[in-house]
Amino acid sequence: MPNRLEFTDRAHYIGSLPKGDHMCDFYEIEVDGQVSYIYIKVGAEARPDLKQG
């Protein structure tokens, strides 16, 4: 991902909740003054097809 953004001070973990058949981590993020809510499927970072770099 060449235009990667850092969200260290703008992302806040809300918690892990079920979404469909999966558990997801939910976050609140702020980008350019706009607050959004995102979810990431638990274990997604372990998928080799999603590796960044």
N, C-alpha and C. Protein backbone atom coordinates (compact mmCIF):
# COMPACT_ATOMS: atom_id res chain seq x y z
N MET A 1 0.86 -1.17 0.00
CA MET A 1 0.00 0.00 0.00
C MET A 1 0.91 1.23 0.00
N PRO A 2 1.10 1.88 -1.12
CA PRO A 2 2.06 2.98 -1.20
C PRO A 2 1.65 4.25 -0.45
N ASN A 3 0.38 4.55 -0.33
CA ASN A 3 -0.08 5.77 0.34
C ASN A 3 -0.68 5.44 1.70
N ARG A 4 0.04 4.70 2.46
CA ARG A 4 -0.43 4.26 3.78
C ARG A 4 -0.53 5.44 4.74
N LEU A 5 -1.60 5.49 5.49
CA LEU A 5 -1.81 6.55 6.48
C LEU A 5 -1.57 6.00 7.88
N GLU A 6 -1.06 6.82 8.74
CA GLU A 6 -0.87 6.44 10.14
C GLU A 6 -2.05 6.98 10.95
N PHE A 7 -2.66 6.11 11.76
CA PHE A 7 -3.83 6.48 12.54
C PHE A 7 -3.60 6.37 14.04
N THR A 8 -2.34 6.40 14.46
CA THR A 8 -2.01 6.16 15.86
C THR A 8 -2.81 7.05 16.81
N ASP A 9 -2.91 8.33 16.54
CA ASP A 9 -3.62 9.25 17.43
C ASP A 9 -5.07 9.46 17.03
N ARG A 10 -5.50 8.87 15.90
CA ARG A 10 -6.85 9.13 15.41
C ARG A 10 -7.73 7.91 15.35
N ALA A 11 -7.23 6.75 15.77
CA ALA A 11 -8.03 5.53 15.76
C ALA A 11 -8.24 5.07 17.19
N HIS A 12 -9.46 4.71 17.50
CA HIS A 12 -9.81 4.28 18.85
C HIS A 12 -10.54 2.95 18.78
N TYR A 13 -10.01 1.96 19.47
CA TYR A 13 -10.60 0.63 19.51
C TYR A 13 -11.90 0.68 20.31
N ILE A 14 -12.97 0.17 19.73
CA ILE A 14 -14.27 0.13 20.40
C ILE A 14 -14.46 -1.22 21.07
N GLY A 15 -14.15 -2.29 20.36
CA GLY A 15 -14.30 -3.62 20.92
C GLY A 15 -14.47 -4.66 19.83
N SER A 16 -14.52 -5.91 20.23
CA SER A 16 -14.75 -7.01 19.30
C SER A 16 -16.22 -7.41 19.38
N LEU A 17 -16.85 -7.47 18.22
CA LEU A 17 -18.27 -7.79 18.15
C LEU A 17 -18.51 -8.74 16.98
N PRO A 18 -19.57 -9.55 17.06
CA PRO A 18 -19.88 -10.42 15.93
C PRO A 18 -20.47 -9.61 14.77
N LYS A 19 -20.08 -9.96 13.56
CA LYS A 19 -20.65 -9.38 12.34
C LYS A 19 -20.85 -10.53 11.38
N GLY A 20 -22.08 -10.89 11.17
CA GLY A 20 -22.36 -12.08 10.36
C GLY A 20 -21.87 -13.31 11.09
N ASP A 21 -21.07 -14.11 10.40
CA ASP A 21 -20.52 -15.34 10.98
C ASP A 21 -19.12 -15.14 11.54
N HIS A 22 -18.64 -13.92 11.61
CA HIS A 22 -17.26 -13.65 12.02
C HIS A 22 -17.21 -12.69 13.20
N MET A 23 -16.12 -12.76 13.94
CA MET A 23 -15.84 -11.75 14.96
C MET A 23 -15.01 -10.66 14.31
N CYS A 24 -15.33 -9.42 14.62
CA CYS A 24 -14.62 -8.28 14.05
C CYS A 24 -14.22 -7.31 15.15
N ASP A 25 -13.07 -6.66 14.94
CA ASP A 25 -12.65 -5.57 15.81
C ASP A 25 -13.18 -4.28 15.20
N PHE A 26 -13.87 -3.48 16.01
CA PHE A 26 -14.46 -2.23 15.55
C PHE A 26 -13.62 -1.06 16.04
N TYR A 27 -13.42 -0.08 15.16
CA TYR A 27 -12.63 1.10 15.47
C TYR A 27 -13.37 2.36 15.04
N GLU A 28 -13.13 3.43 15.76
CA GLU A 28 -13.59 4.76 15.37
C GLU A 28 -12.35 5.49 14.89
N ILE A 29 -12.38 6.06 13.68
CA ILE A 29 -11.23 6.79 13.17
C ILE A 29 -11.66 8.18 12.73
N GLU A 30 -10.71 9.11 12.77
CA GLU A 30 -10.96 10.46 12.31
C GLU A 30 -9.95 10.79 11.21
N VAL A 31 -10.46 11.16 10.03
CA VAL A 31 -9.63 11.54 8.90
C VAL A 31 -10.17 12.84 8.35
N ASP A 32 -9.32 13.85 8.28
CA ASP A 32 -9.71 15.16 7.78
C ASP A 32 -10.95 15.71 8.49
N GLY A 33 -11.04 15.48 9.80
CA GLY A 33 -12.15 15.98 10.60
C GLY A 33 -13.42 15.15 10.51
N GLN A 34 -13.43 14.12 9.69
CA GLN A 34 -14.60 13.26 9.51
C GLN A 34 -14.42 12.00 10.35
N VAL A 35 -15.40 11.67 11.20
CA VAL A 35 -15.36 10.47 12.02
C VAL A 35 -16.07 9.34 11.29
N SER A 36 -15.38 8.20 11.22
CA SER A 36 -15.95 7.00 10.58
C SER A 36 -15.74 5.81 11.50
N TYR A 37 -16.52 4.78 11.26
CA TYR A 37 -16.41 3.55 12.02
C TYR A 37 -16.06 2.44 11.04
N ILE A 38 -15.02 1.67 11.38
CA ILE A 38 -14.59 0.58 10.52
C ILE A 38 -14.54 -0.71 11.31
N TYR A 39 -14.56 -1.81 10.62
CA TYR A 39 -14.39 -3.11 11.26
C TYR A 39 -13.35 -3.90 10.49
N ILE A 40 -12.61 -4.72 11.22
CA ILE A 40 -11.60 -5.59 10.64
C ILE A 40 -11.86 -6.98 11.18
N LYS A 41 -12.02 -7.93 10.28
CA LYS A 41 -12.28 -9.30 10.69
C LYS A 41 -11.11 -9.81 11.53
N VAL A 42 -11.41 -10.37 12.69
CA VAL A 42 -10.39 -10.90 13.58
C VAL A 42 -9.62 -11.99 12.83
N GLY A 43 -8.29 -11.88 12.84
CA GLY A 43 -7.44 -12.84 12.15
C GLY A 43 -7.10 -12.43 10.73
N ALA A 44 -7.64 -11.33 10.23
CA ALA A 44 -7.37 -10.90 8.86
C ALA A 44 -5.89 -10.59 8.65
N GLU A 45 -5.20 -10.12 9.70
CA GLU A 45 -3.79 -9.77 9.56
C GLU A 45 -2.92 -10.99 9.34
N ALA A 46 -3.43 -12.18 9.58
CA ALA A 46 -2.67 -13.41 9.39
C ALA A 46 -2.80 -13.96 7.97
N ARG A 47 -3.65 -13.38 7.15
CA ARG A 47 -3.85 -13.88 5.79
C ARG A 47 -2.68 -13.47 4.89
N PRO A 48 -1.98 -14.41 4.29
CA PRO A 48 -0.82 -14.07 3.46
C PRO A 48 -1.18 -13.27 2.21
N ASP A 49 -2.40 -13.40 1.71
CA ASP A 49 -2.79 -12.64 0.52
C ASP A 49 -3.05 -11.18 0.81
N LEU A 50 -3.08 -10.78 2.07
CA LEU A 50 -3.31 -9.39 2.44
C LEU A 50 -2.05 -8.72 2.97
N LYS A 51 -0.90 -9.37 2.89
CA LYS A 51 0.34 -8.79 3.41
C LYS A 51 0.68 -7.51 2.66
N GLN A 52 1.15 -6.53 3.39
CA GLN A 52 1.56 -5.26 2.81
C GLN A 52 3.08 -5.21 2.75
N GLY A 53 3.59 -4.41 1.84
CA GLY A 53 5.02 -4.24 1.83
C GLY A 53 5.52 -4.27 0.50
